[in-house]
């Protein structure tokens, strides 16, 4: 494991490969699982502020679900997430012409309508963050629906921390990311020296 500032980073994030292969998975992470996308507390007022700009991008079913359940829901553990349409896809997800699920929030962002890209939990996937009060633990979340992403990442030689560079900088800042990279590269150099 790596310690970077107030975070503990699993070695898997340095060692495992991943490049999202949405043509293969069709955005399955937006519809699989028990709940919608996890939301940080500071994202709740942001969703409230941007919803009117995001709303036109959503499906009718998504808008109806949000009208009924709210912009976010609170689960039995007290955590917040996006609502889902009939316990399936995220209410903010939209199908494109290829029947691939994409994020309506992100589409509004890409079109310059809002400055919020999407929930950080989505942007950081397959990293999941658990806060322990004084520090965050960053772990690699393995999911069979992402097997194609693992294969593509290995084929291209892209480790998780490089694939998620923008998301990690968004969450923790550029100096944090640079320190992470420095630690990973230093560890790799030491290992290479030992194995010679």
N, C-alpha and C. Protein backbone atom coordinates (compact mmCIF):
# COMPACT_ATOMS: atom_id res chain seq x y z
N UNK A 1 0.84 -1.19 0.00
CA UNK A 1 0.00 0.00 0.00
C UNK A 1 0.88 1.25 0.00
N UNK A 2 0.30 2.34 -0.44
CA UNK A 2 1.01 3.61 -0.52
C UNK A 2 0.30 4.62 0.37
N UNK A 3 1.08 5.45 1.05
CA UNK A 3 0.51 6.52 1.87
C UNK A 3 0.85 7.85 1.19
N UNK A 4 -0.21 8.55 0.75
CA UNK A 4 -0.02 9.83 0.07
C UNK A 4 -0.89 10.86 0.79
N UNK A 5 -0.26 11.78 1.49
CA UNK A 5 -1.02 12.75 2.27
C UNK A 5 -1.92 12.03 3.27
N UNK A 6 -3.19 12.38 3.25
CA UNK A 6 -4.16 11.75 4.15
C UNK A 6 -4.90 10.61 3.47
N UNK A 7 -4.23 9.90 2.58
CA UNK A 7 -4.86 8.78 1.89
C UNK A 7 -3.97 7.54 1.97
N UNK A 8 -4.63 6.40 1.96
CA UNK A 8 -3.94 5.12 1.83
C UNK A 8 -4.41 4.50 0.52
N UNK A 9 -3.48 4.22 -0.36
CA UNK A 9 -3.79 3.77 -1.71
C UNK A 9 -3.39 2.31 -1.87
N UNK A 10 -4.33 1.48 -2.26
CA UNK A 10 -4.06 0.05 -2.47
C UNK A 10 -3.03 -0.13 -3.59
N UNK A 11 -2.16 -1.12 -3.42
CA UNK A 11 -1.17 -1.43 -4.46
C UNK A 11 -1.83 -1.79 -5.79
N UNK A 12 -3.04 -2.33 -5.74
CA UNK A 12 -3.74 -2.70 -6.98
C UNK A 12 -3.91 -1.52 -7.92
N UNK A 13 -4.05 -0.33 -7.37
CA UNK A 13 -4.27 0.86 -8.19
C UNK A 13 -3.02 1.19 -9.01
N UNK A 14 -1.86 0.77 -8.51
CA UNK A 14 -0.61 0.92 -9.26
C UNK A 14 -0.35 -0.26 -10.17
N UNK A 15 -0.75 -1.46 -9.73
CA UNK A 15 -0.35 -2.70 -10.41
C UNK A 15 -1.33 -3.23 -11.44
N UNK A 16 -2.62 -2.95 -11.25
CA UNK A 16 -3.65 -3.51 -12.14
C UNK A 16 -3.94 -2.58 -13.31
N UNK A 17 -4.38 -3.17 -14.40
CA UNK A 17 -4.61 -2.41 -15.63
C UNK A 17 -6.11 -2.22 -15.89
N UNK A 18 -6.45 -1.07 -16.50
CA UNK A 18 -7.86 -0.78 -16.72
C UNK A 18 -8.01 0.35 -17.74
N UNK A 19 -8.82 0.11 -18.76
CA UNK A 19 -9.24 1.17 -19.69
C UNK A 19 -10.70 0.88 -20.02
N UNK A 20 -11.58 1.77 -19.66
CA UNK A 20 -13.01 1.56 -19.87
C UNK A 20 -13.27 1.21 -21.33
N UNK A 21 -14.03 0.14 -21.54
CA UNK A 21 -14.32 -0.35 -22.90
C UNK A 21 -15.84 -0.32 -23.11
N UNK A 22 -16.37 0.90 -23.20
CA UNK A 22 -17.82 1.09 -23.19
C UNK A 22 -18.51 0.47 -24.40
N UNK A 23 -17.76 0.30 -25.49
CA UNK A 23 -18.35 -0.36 -26.67
C UNK A 23 -18.71 -1.81 -26.35
N UNK A 24 -17.98 -2.41 -25.42
CA UNK A 24 -18.23 -3.81 -25.05
C UNK A 24 -19.25 -3.93 -23.92
N UNK A 25 -19.10 -3.11 -22.88
CA UNK A 25 -19.97 -3.27 -21.70
C UNK A 25 -21.28 -2.51 -21.83
N UNK A 26 -21.35 -1.56 -22.77
CA UNK A 26 -22.56 -0.77 -23.01
C UNK A 26 -22.98 0.06 -21.78
N UNK A 27 -21.99 0.43 -20.96
CA UNK A 27 -22.29 1.27 -19.80
C UNK A 27 -23.00 0.52 -18.69
N UNK A 28 -22.67 -0.77 -18.54
CA UNK A 28 -23.36 -1.62 -17.57
C UNK A 28 -23.25 -1.11 -16.14
N UNK A 29 -22.19 -0.38 -15.81
CA UNK A 29 -22.04 0.12 -14.44
C UNK A 29 -23.12 1.13 -14.08
N UNK A 30 -23.81 1.68 -15.08
CA UNK A 30 -24.90 2.62 -14.82
C UNK A 30 -26.23 1.92 -14.53
N UNK A 31 -26.23 0.59 -14.69
CA UNK A 31 -27.50 -0.14 -14.46
C UNK A 31 -27.36 -1.33 -13.53
N UNK A 32 -26.15 -1.83 -13.32
CA UNK A 32 -25.96 -2.99 -12.46
C UNK A 32 -25.78 -2.55 -11.01
N UNK A 33 -26.00 -3.46 -10.10
CA UNK A 33 -25.81 -3.18 -8.68
C UNK A 33 -27.12 -2.92 -7.96
N UNK A 34 -27.01 -2.73 -6.65
CA UNK A 34 -28.19 -2.59 -5.80
C UNK A 34 -28.70 -1.16 -5.72
N UNK A 35 -27.81 -0.18 -5.92
CA UNK A 35 -28.17 1.23 -5.79
C UNK A 35 -27.64 2.02 -6.97
N UNK A 36 -27.99 3.31 -7.00
CA UNK A 36 -27.43 4.19 -8.01
C UNK A 36 -26.01 4.58 -7.65
N UNK A 37 -25.52 5.65 -8.26
CA UNK A 37 -24.15 6.10 -8.01
C UNK A 37 -24.02 6.69 -6.61
N UNK A 38 -22.98 6.28 -5.87
CA UNK A 38 -22.75 6.92 -4.56
C UNK A 38 -22.50 8.41 -4.73
N UNK A 39 -23.03 9.19 -3.79
CA UNK A 39 -22.88 10.65 -3.84
C UNK A 39 -22.20 11.15 -2.57
N UNK A 40 -21.27 12.06 -2.73
CA UNK A 40 -20.64 12.72 -1.58
C UNK A 40 -21.59 13.80 -1.07
N UNK A 41 -21.51 14.11 0.21
CA UNK A 41 -22.42 15.10 0.81
C UNK A 41 -22.33 16.44 0.10
N UNK A 42 -21.12 16.84 -0.32
CA UNK A 42 -20.98 18.15 -0.97
C UNK A 42 -21.52 18.16 -2.40
N UNK A 43 -21.89 16.98 -2.93
CA UNK A 43 -22.46 16.94 -4.28
C UNK A 43 -23.98 17.14 -4.28
N UNK A 44 -24.61 16.99 -3.13
CA UNK A 44 -26.07 17.11 -3.06
C UNK A 44 -26.54 18.51 -3.44
N UNK A 45 -25.98 19.59 -2.85
CA UNK A 45 -26.42 20.93 -3.28
C UNK A 45 -26.03 21.24 -4.72
N UNK A 46 -24.96 20.62 -5.21
CA UNK A 46 -24.58 20.83 -6.61
C UNK A 46 -25.64 20.25 -7.54
N UNK A 47 -26.11 19.04 -7.23
CA UNK A 47 -27.17 18.44 -8.04
C UNK A 47 -28.41 19.31 -8.04
N UNK A 48 -28.75 19.86 -6.88
CA UNK A 48 -29.91 20.75 -6.79
C UNK A 48 -29.72 21.98 -7.67
N UNK A 49 -28.50 22.51 -7.70
CA UNK A 49 -28.21 23.74 -8.45
C UNK A 49 -28.22 23.51 -9.96
N UNK A 50 -27.79 22.32 -10.41
CA UNK A 50 -27.64 22.10 -11.86
C UNK A 50 -28.81 21.33 -12.49
N UNK A 51 -29.74 20.86 -11.68
CA UNK A 51 -30.74 19.94 -12.22
C UNK A 51 -31.54 20.52 -13.39
N UNK A 52 -31.91 21.77 -13.33
CA UNK A 52 -32.71 22.34 -14.43
C UNK A 52 -31.95 22.33 -15.75
N UNK A 53 -30.63 22.45 -15.71
CA UNK A 53 -29.82 22.38 -16.93
C UNK A 53 -29.64 20.93 -17.39
N UNK A 54 -29.62 20.00 -16.43
CA UNK A 54 -29.44 18.58 -16.74
C UNK A 54 -30.74 17.94 -17.22
N UNK A 55 -31.85 18.38 -16.68
CA UNK A 55 -33.16 17.77 -16.91
C UNK A 55 -33.48 17.50 -18.38
N UNK A 56 -33.22 18.44 -19.31
CA UNK A 56 -33.55 18.18 -20.72
C UNK A 56 -32.78 17.01 -21.34
N UNK A 57 -31.66 16.62 -20.74
CA UNK A 57 -30.85 15.53 -21.27
C UNK A 57 -31.37 14.16 -20.84
N UNK A 58 -32.22 14.13 -19.85
CA UNK A 58 -32.63 12.86 -19.26
C UNK A 58 -33.80 12.23 -20.00
N UNK A 59 -33.97 10.95 -19.80
CA UNK A 59 -35.12 10.25 -20.38
C UNK A 59 -36.38 10.63 -19.61
N UNK A 60 -37.53 10.39 -20.22
CA UNK A 60 -38.79 10.67 -19.53
C UNK A 60 -38.89 9.83 -18.26
N UNK A 61 -38.46 8.57 -18.34
CA UNK A 61 -38.50 7.69 -17.16
C UNK A 61 -37.58 8.22 -16.07
N UNK A 62 -36.42 8.75 -16.45
CA UNK A 62 -35.49 9.32 -15.48
C UNK A 62 -36.08 10.54 -14.80
N UNK A 63 -36.70 11.43 -15.59
CA UNK A 63 -37.32 12.62 -15.01
C UNK A 63 -38.46 12.26 -14.07
N UNK A 64 -39.26 11.28 -14.46
CA UNK A 64 -40.37 10.85 -13.61
C UNK A 64 -39.87 10.24 -12.30
N UNK A 65 -38.82 9.45 -12.40
CA UNK A 65 -38.25 8.84 -11.19
C UNK A 65 -37.74 9.91 -10.24
N UNK A 66 -37.04 10.90 -10.77
CA UNK A 66 -36.50 11.98 -9.95
C UNK A 66 -37.63 12.81 -9.34
N UNK A 67 -38.69 13.04 -10.12
CA UNK A 67 -39.84 13.79 -9.60
C UNK A 67 -40.49 13.04 -8.43
N UNK A 68 -40.48 11.73 -8.51
CA UNK A 68 -41.11 10.91 -7.48
C UNK A 68 -40.20 10.68 -6.27
N UNK A 69 -38.92 10.36 -6.52
CA UNK A 69 -38.01 9.97 -5.44
C UNK A 69 -37.07 11.07 -4.97
N UNK A 70 -36.91 12.10 -5.78
CA UNK A 70 -35.99 13.17 -5.44
C UNK A 70 -34.70 13.07 -6.26
N UNK A 71 -33.87 14.10 -6.15
CA UNK A 71 -32.62 14.15 -6.91
C UNK A 71 -31.62 13.13 -6.41
N UNK A 72 -31.78 12.71 -5.16
CA UNK A 72 -30.91 11.70 -4.54
C UNK A 72 -31.71 10.99 -3.45
N UNK A 73 -31.23 9.82 -3.07
CA UNK A 73 -31.89 9.06 -2.01
C UNK A 73 -30.88 8.74 -0.91
N UNK A 74 -31.40 8.46 0.26
CA UNK A 74 -30.56 8.09 1.40
C UNK A 74 -30.84 6.62 1.71
N UNK A 75 -29.78 5.81 1.77
CA UNK A 75 -29.99 4.38 1.99
C UNK A 75 -30.04 4.04 3.49
N UNK A 76 -30.18 2.77 3.79
CA UNK A 76 -30.34 2.32 5.16
C UNK A 76 -29.10 2.56 6.02
N UNK A 77 -27.96 2.78 5.39
CA UNK A 77 -26.73 3.06 6.14
C UNK A 77 -26.48 4.57 6.29
N UNK A 78 -27.39 5.37 5.73
CA UNK A 78 -27.25 6.82 5.82
C UNK A 78 -26.42 7.43 4.71
N UNK A 79 -26.07 6.63 3.70
CA UNK A 79 -25.30 7.13 2.56
C UNK A 79 -26.24 7.60 1.46
N UNK A 80 -25.77 8.52 0.64
CA UNK A 80 -26.58 9.07 -0.44
C UNK A 80 -26.18 8.47 -1.78
N UNK A 81 -27.16 8.32 -2.66
CA UNK A 81 -26.89 7.84 -4.02
C UNK A 81 -27.95 8.39 -4.96
N UNK A 82 -27.71 8.22 -6.24
CA UNK A 82 -28.70 8.64 -7.23
C UNK A 82 -29.86 7.65 -7.23
N UNK A 83 -31.07 8.11 -7.55
CA UNK A 83 -32.19 7.17 -7.66
C UNK A 83 -32.05 6.32 -8.91
N UNK A 84 -32.73 5.19 -8.92
CA UNK A 84 -32.70 4.30 -10.09
C UNK A 84 -34.10 4.11 -10.65
N UNK A 85 -34.16 3.81 -11.93
CA UNK A 85 -35.43 3.56 -12.60
C UNK A 85 -35.79 2.09 -12.41
N UNK A 86 -36.80 1.84 -11.58
CA UNK A 86 -37.28 0.47 -11.31
C UNK A 86 -36.13 -0.45 -10.90
N UNK A 87 -35.25 0.06 -10.02
CA UNK A 87 -34.11 -0.71 -9.49
C UNK A 87 -33.14 -1.16 -10.58
N UNK A 88 -33.11 -0.44 -11.68
CA UNK A 88 -32.17 -0.78 -12.77
C UNK A 88 -31.24 0.40 -13.01
N UNK A 89 -31.36 1.05 -14.19
CA UNK A 89 -30.39 2.08 -14.50
C UNK A 89 -30.56 3.34 -13.66
N UNK A 90 -29.46 4.04 -13.48
CA UNK A 90 -29.45 5.33 -12.78
C UNK A 90 -30.42 6.28 -13.47
N UNK A 91 -31.15 7.05 -12.70
CA UNK A 91 -32.12 7.99 -13.27
C UNK A 91 -31.46 9.07 -14.13
N UNK A 92 -30.17 9.29 -13.94
CA UNK A 92 -29.44 10.28 -14.73
C UNK A 92 -28.79 9.68 -15.98
N UNK A 93 -28.92 8.37 -16.15
CA UNK A 93 -28.31 7.70 -17.31
C UNK A 93 -29.23 7.80 -18.52
N UNK A 94 -28.62 7.88 -19.68
CA UNK A 94 -29.38 7.97 -20.94
C UNK A 94 -28.79 6.98 -21.95
N UNK A 95 -29.64 6.44 -22.79
CA UNK A 95 -29.19 5.54 -23.84
C UNK A 95 -28.87 6.34 -25.10
N UNK A 96 -27.72 6.03 -25.73
CA UNK A 96 -27.42 6.67 -27.01
C UNK A 96 -27.96 5.81 -28.16
N UNK A 97 -27.63 6.18 -29.38
CA UNK A 97 -28.18 5.48 -30.55
C UNK A 97 -27.69 4.04 -30.66
N UNK A 98 -26.62 3.70 -29.92
CA UNK A 98 -26.09 2.34 -29.94
C UNK A 98 -26.56 1.52 -28.74
N UNK A 99 -27.58 2.05 -28.02
CA UNK A 99 -28.12 1.37 -26.82
C UNK A 99 -27.07 1.27 -25.72
N UNK A 100 -26.16 2.26 -25.68
CA UNK A 100 -25.14 2.33 -24.65
C UNK A 100 -25.55 3.38 -23.64
N UNK A 101 -25.45 3.03 -22.35
CA UNK A 101 -25.79 3.98 -21.29
C UNK A 101 -24.67 4.98 -21.09
N UNK A 102 -25.05 6.24 -21.04
CA UNK A 102 -24.10 7.32 -20.76
C UNK A 102 -24.73 8.23 -19.72
N UNK A 103 -23.95 9.16 -19.20
CA UNK A 103 -24.41 10.03 -18.12
C UNK A 103 -25.00 11.33 -18.66
N UNK A 104 -26.25 11.59 -18.31
CA UNK A 104 -26.90 12.83 -18.73
C UNK A 104 -26.25 14.06 -18.10
N UNK A 105 -25.77 13.91 -16.87
CA UNK A 105 -25.06 15.02 -16.22
C UNK A 105 -23.79 15.35 -17.00
N UNK A 106 -23.04 14.31 -17.35
CA UNK A 106 -21.80 14.53 -18.09
C UNK A 106 -22.06 15.12 -19.47
N UNK A 107 -23.15 14.73 -20.10
CA UNK A 107 -23.47 15.29 -21.41
C UNK A 107 -23.74 16.78 -21.31
N UNK A 108 -24.45 17.19 -20.26
CA UNK A 108 -24.68 18.62 -20.05
C UNK A 108 -23.37 19.36 -19.81
N UNK A 109 -22.45 18.71 -19.09
CA UNK A 109 -21.13 19.28 -18.84
C UNK A 109 -20.35 19.42 -20.16
N UNK A 110 -20.35 18.36 -20.96
CA UNK A 110 -19.60 18.38 -22.23
C UNK A 110 -20.16 19.43 -23.19
N UNK A 111 -21.45 19.70 -23.07
CA UNK A 111 -22.09 20.72 -23.91
C UNK A 111 -21.93 22.13 -23.35
N UNK A 112 -21.22 22.26 -22.23
CA UNK A 112 -20.96 23.57 -21.65
C UNK A 112 -22.11 24.17 -20.87
N UNK A 113 -23.09 23.36 -20.52
CA UNK A 113 -24.26 23.87 -19.79
C UNK A 113 -23.99 24.00 -18.30
N UNK A 114 -23.13 23.14 -17.76
CA UNK A 114 -22.82 23.15 -16.33
C UNK A 114 -21.32 22.92 -16.14
N UNK A 115 -20.82 23.20 -14.93
CA UNK A 115 -19.40 23.02 -14.64
C UNK A 115 -19.13 21.74 -13.85
N UNK A 116 -20.18 21.07 -13.40
CA UNK A 116 -20.05 19.82 -12.64
C UNK A 116 -20.05 18.66 -13.63
N UNK A 117 -18.98 17.89 -13.65
CA UNK A 117 -18.86 16.85 -14.68
C UNK A 117 -19.79 15.67 -14.44
N UNK A 118 -19.73 15.08 -13.27
CA UNK A 118 -20.56 13.96 -12.85
C UNK A 118 -20.14 13.59 -11.44
N UNK A 119 -20.90 12.74 -10.73
CA UNK A 119 -20.46 12.36 -9.39
C UNK A 119 -19.04 11.81 -9.39
N UNK A 120 -18.28 12.19 -8.39
CA UNK A 120 -16.87 11.77 -8.34
C UNK A 120 -16.76 10.26 -8.25
N UNK A 121 -17.74 9.59 -7.66
CA UNK A 121 -17.69 8.12 -7.57
C UNK A 121 -17.72 7.49 -8.96
N UNK A 122 -18.44 8.11 -9.89
CA UNK A 122 -18.49 7.61 -11.28
C UNK A 122 -17.18 7.92 -12.00
N UNK A 123 -16.70 9.14 -11.81
CA UNK A 123 -15.48 9.58 -12.48
C UNK A 123 -14.28 8.74 -12.04
N UNK A 124 -14.28 8.32 -10.78
CA UNK A 124 -13.15 7.57 -10.23
C UNK A 124 -13.23 6.06 -10.43
N UNK A 125 -14.35 5.57 -10.94
CA UNK A 125 -14.48 4.12 -11.04
C UNK A 125 -13.42 3.54 -11.98
N UNK A 126 -12.73 2.42 -11.61
CA UNK A 126 -13.05 1.41 -10.61
C UNK A 126 -12.46 1.63 -9.21
N UNK A 127 -12.02 2.84 -8.89
CA UNK A 127 -11.58 3.11 -7.53
C UNK A 127 -12.81 3.43 -6.68
N UNK A 128 -12.86 2.85 -5.50
CA UNK A 128 -13.87 3.19 -4.51
C UNK A 128 -13.14 3.76 -3.30
N UNK A 129 -13.69 4.84 -2.74
CA UNK A 129 -13.09 5.52 -1.60
C UNK A 129 -13.93 5.28 -0.35
N UNK A 130 -13.25 4.92 0.72
CA UNK A 130 -13.90 4.78 2.03
C UNK A 130 -13.22 5.76 2.98
N UNK A 131 -14.03 6.64 3.56
CA UNK A 131 -13.48 7.61 4.50
C UNK A 131 -13.51 7.06 5.91
N UNK A 132 -12.38 7.18 6.60
CA UNK A 132 -12.27 6.70 7.98
C UNK A 132 -12.03 7.85 8.95
N UNK A 133 -12.57 9.01 8.63
CA UNK A 133 -12.43 10.17 9.51
C UNK A 133 -11.16 10.95 9.24
N UNK A 134 -10.01 10.38 9.62
CA UNK A 134 -8.74 11.09 9.44
C UNK A 134 -8.08 10.81 8.09
N UNK A 135 -8.57 9.79 7.38
CA UNK A 135 -7.94 9.46 6.11
C UNK A 135 -8.94 8.76 5.19
N UNK A 136 -8.63 8.79 3.90
CA UNK A 136 -9.38 8.06 2.88
C UNK A 136 -8.60 6.81 2.50
N UNK A 137 -9.31 5.72 2.30
CA UNK A 137 -8.71 4.50 1.76
C UNK A 137 -9.20 4.33 0.33
N UNK A 138 -8.28 4.22 -0.61
CA UNK A 138 -8.61 4.05 -2.02
C UNK A 138 -8.35 2.61 -2.42
N UNK A 139 -9.40 1.92 -2.86
CA UNK A 139 -9.29 0.51 -3.22
C UNK A 139 -9.82 0.28 -4.64
N UNK A 140 -9.30 -0.76 -5.24
CA UNK A 140 -9.74 -1.19 -6.57
C UNK A 140 -10.96 -2.08 -6.40
N UNK A 141 -12.07 -1.69 -7.02
CA UNK A 141 -13.31 -2.46 -6.95
C UNK A 141 -13.39 -3.36 -8.19
N UNK A 142 -13.25 -4.65 -7.95
CA UNK A 142 -13.33 -5.61 -9.06
C UNK A 142 -14.79 -5.96 -9.32
N UNK A 143 -15.15 -5.96 -10.61
CA UNK A 143 -16.54 -6.24 -10.99
C UNK A 143 -16.50 -6.97 -12.33
N UNK A 144 -17.19 -8.09 -12.43
CA UNK A 144 -17.09 -8.89 -13.64
C UNK A 144 -17.56 -8.17 -14.89
N UNK A 145 -18.44 -7.18 -14.73
CA UNK A 145 -18.91 -6.44 -15.91
C UNK A 145 -17.79 -5.62 -16.54
N UNK A 146 -16.68 -5.45 -15.81
CA UNK A 146 -15.55 -4.67 -16.32
C UNK A 146 -14.40 -5.55 -16.82
N UNK A 147 -14.67 -6.82 -17.08
CA UNK A 147 -13.60 -7.71 -17.51
C UNK A 147 -12.96 -7.24 -18.82
N UNK A 148 -13.78 -6.69 -19.72
CA UNK A 148 -13.25 -6.18 -21.00
C UNK A 148 -12.34 -4.98 -20.77
N UNK A 149 -12.67 -4.15 -19.78
CA UNK A 149 -11.84 -2.99 -19.45
C UNK A 149 -10.49 -3.43 -18.90
N UNK A 150 -10.50 -4.51 -18.11
CA UNK A 150 -9.24 -5.05 -17.58
C UNK A 150 -8.37 -5.58 -18.72
N UNK A 151 -9.00 -6.29 -19.65
CA UNK A 151 -8.27 -6.85 -20.79
C UNK A 151 -7.69 -5.75 -21.66
N UNK A 152 -8.50 -4.73 -21.95
CA UNK A 152 -8.03 -3.62 -22.79
C UNK A 152 -6.91 -2.86 -22.10
N UNK A 153 -7.06 -2.61 -20.80
CA UNK A 153 -6.01 -1.92 -20.05
C UNK A 153 -4.70 -2.67 -20.09
N UNK A 154 -4.77 -4.00 -19.94
CA UNK A 154 -3.56 -4.83 -19.99
C UNK A 154 -2.94 -4.79 -21.39
N UNK A 155 -3.80 -4.89 -22.39
CA UNK A 155 -3.33 -4.86 -23.78
C UNK A 155 -2.62 -3.54 -24.10
N UNK A 156 -3.15 -2.44 -23.59
CA UNK A 156 -2.58 -1.11 -23.86
C UNK A 156 -1.50 -0.72 -22.84
N UNK A 157 -1.38 -1.50 -21.76
CA UNK A 157 -0.38 -1.20 -20.74
C UNK A 157 -0.71 0.03 -19.91
N UNK A 158 -1.99 0.23 -19.60
CA UNK A 158 -2.42 1.41 -18.85
C UNK A 158 -2.87 1.00 -17.45
N UNK A 159 -2.10 1.31 -16.41
CA UNK A 159 -2.52 0.99 -15.05
C UNK A 159 -3.66 1.92 -14.60
N UNK A 160 -4.37 1.48 -13.57
CA UNK A 160 -5.53 2.22 -13.09
C UNK A 160 -5.20 3.68 -12.78
N UNK A 161 -4.08 3.91 -12.09
CA UNK A 161 -3.78 5.28 -11.68
C UNK A 161 -3.54 6.22 -12.87
N UNK A 162 -3.09 5.67 -13.99
CA UNK A 162 -2.91 6.50 -15.18
C UNK A 162 -4.24 6.71 -15.91
N UNK A 163 -5.05 5.66 -15.97
CA UNK A 163 -6.36 5.79 -16.60
C UNK A 163 -7.21 6.84 -15.88
N UNK A 164 -7.07 6.92 -14.57
CA UNK A 164 -7.90 7.82 -13.77
C UNK A 164 -7.17 9.10 -13.36
N UNK A 165 -6.16 9.48 -14.11
CA UNK A 165 -5.38 10.67 -13.77
C UNK A 165 -6.27 11.90 -13.56
N UNK A 166 -7.14 12.21 -14.51
CA UNK A 166 -7.97 13.42 -14.41
C UNK A 166 -8.89 13.35 -13.20
N UNK A 167 -9.49 12.18 -12.96
CA UNK A 167 -10.41 12.03 -11.84
C UNK A 167 -9.67 12.15 -10.51
N UNK A 168 -8.49 11.56 -10.41
CA UNK A 168 -7.72 11.65 -9.17
C UNK A 168 -7.25 13.07 -8.90
N UNK A 169 -6.87 13.79 -9.94
CA UNK A 169 -6.49 15.20 -9.77
C UNK A 169 -7.71 16.02 -9.36
N UNK A 170 -8.85 15.73 -9.97
CA UNK A 170 -10.09 16.43 -9.59
C UNK A 170 -10.38 16.23 -8.10
N UNK A 171 -10.17 15.04 -7.61
CA UNK A 171 -10.49 14.72 -6.21
C UNK A 171 -9.44 15.24 -5.24
N UNK A 172 -8.17 15.03 -5.53
CA UNK A 172 -7.12 15.30 -4.54
C UNK A 172 -6.12 16.38 -4.94
N UNK A 173 -6.13 16.82 -6.18
CA UNK A 173 -5.22 17.86 -6.61
C UNK A 173 -4.00 17.32 -7.34
N UNK A 174 -3.34 18.21 -8.08
CA UNK A 174 -2.21 17.79 -8.92
C UNK A 174 -0.99 17.41 -8.11
N UNK A 175 -0.71 18.12 -7.01
CA UNK A 175 0.48 17.79 -6.22
C UNK A 175 0.32 16.42 -5.57
N UNK A 176 -0.90 16.09 -5.12
CA UNK A 176 -1.16 14.75 -4.57
C UNK A 176 -0.90 13.69 -5.63
N UNK A 177 -1.41 13.93 -6.85
CA UNK A 177 -1.24 12.95 -7.92
C UNK A 177 0.23 12.79 -8.27
N UNK A 178 0.95 13.89 -8.34
CA UNK A 178 2.38 13.81 -8.66
C UNK A 178 3.15 13.01 -7.60
N UNK A 179 2.75 13.17 -6.34
CA UNK A 179 3.39 12.40 -5.28
C UNK A 179 3.07 10.91 -5.41
N UNK A 180 1.83 10.61 -5.77
CA UNK A 180 1.44 9.22 -6.00
C UNK A 180 2.30 8.60 -7.10
N UNK A 181 2.42 9.29 -8.21
CA UNK A 181 3.21 8.79 -9.34
C UNK A 181 4.67 8.61 -8.93
N UNK A 182 5.20 9.57 -8.19
CA UNK A 182 6.60 9.48 -7.75
C UNK A 182 6.82 8.24 -6.87
N UNK A 183 5.89 7.99 -5.95
CA UNK A 183 6.01 6.80 -5.10
C UNK A 183 5.92 5.51 -5.90
N UNK A 184 4.98 5.46 -6.84
CA UNK A 184 4.82 4.26 -7.66
C UNK A 184 6.08 4.01 -8.49
N UNK A 185 6.61 5.06 -9.11
CA UNK A 185 7.80 4.90 -9.95
C UNK A 185 9.03 4.55 -9.12
N UNK A 186 9.14 5.14 -7.91
CA UNK A 186 10.27 4.81 -7.03
C UNK A 186 10.21 3.35 -6.60
N UNK A 187 9.01 2.87 -6.27
CA UNK A 187 8.84 1.47 -5.89
C UNK A 187 9.21 0.54 -7.04
N UNK A 188 8.81 0.92 -8.26
CA UNK A 188 9.12 0.10 -9.43
C UNK A 188 10.62 0.05 -9.68
N UNK A 189 11.29 1.19 -9.50
CA UNK A 189 12.75 1.23 -9.69
C UNK A 189 13.46 0.36 -8.65
N UNK A 190 13.02 0.43 -7.39
CA UNK A 190 13.62 -0.38 -6.33
C UNK A 190 13.44 -1.86 -6.61
N UNK A 191 12.22 -2.21 -7.06
CA UNK A 191 11.93 -3.62 -7.37
C UNK A 191 12.80 -4.10 -8.52
N UNK A 192 12.97 -3.26 -9.54
CA UNK A 192 13.79 -3.62 -10.69
C UNK A 192 15.25 -3.84 -10.27
N UNK A 193 15.73 -3.02 -9.34
CA UNK A 193 17.11 -3.13 -8.86
C UNK A 193 17.30 -4.44 -8.08
N UNK A 194 16.32 -4.77 -7.24
CA UNK A 194 16.39 -5.98 -6.42
C UNK A 194 16.37 -7.23 -7.27
N UNK A 195 15.60 -7.23 -8.34
CA UNK A 195 15.42 -8.43 -9.16
C UNK A 195 16.52 -8.61 -10.21
N UNK A 196 17.44 -7.65 -10.31
CA UNK A 196 18.53 -7.79 -11.29
C UNK A 196 19.53 -8.84 -10.84
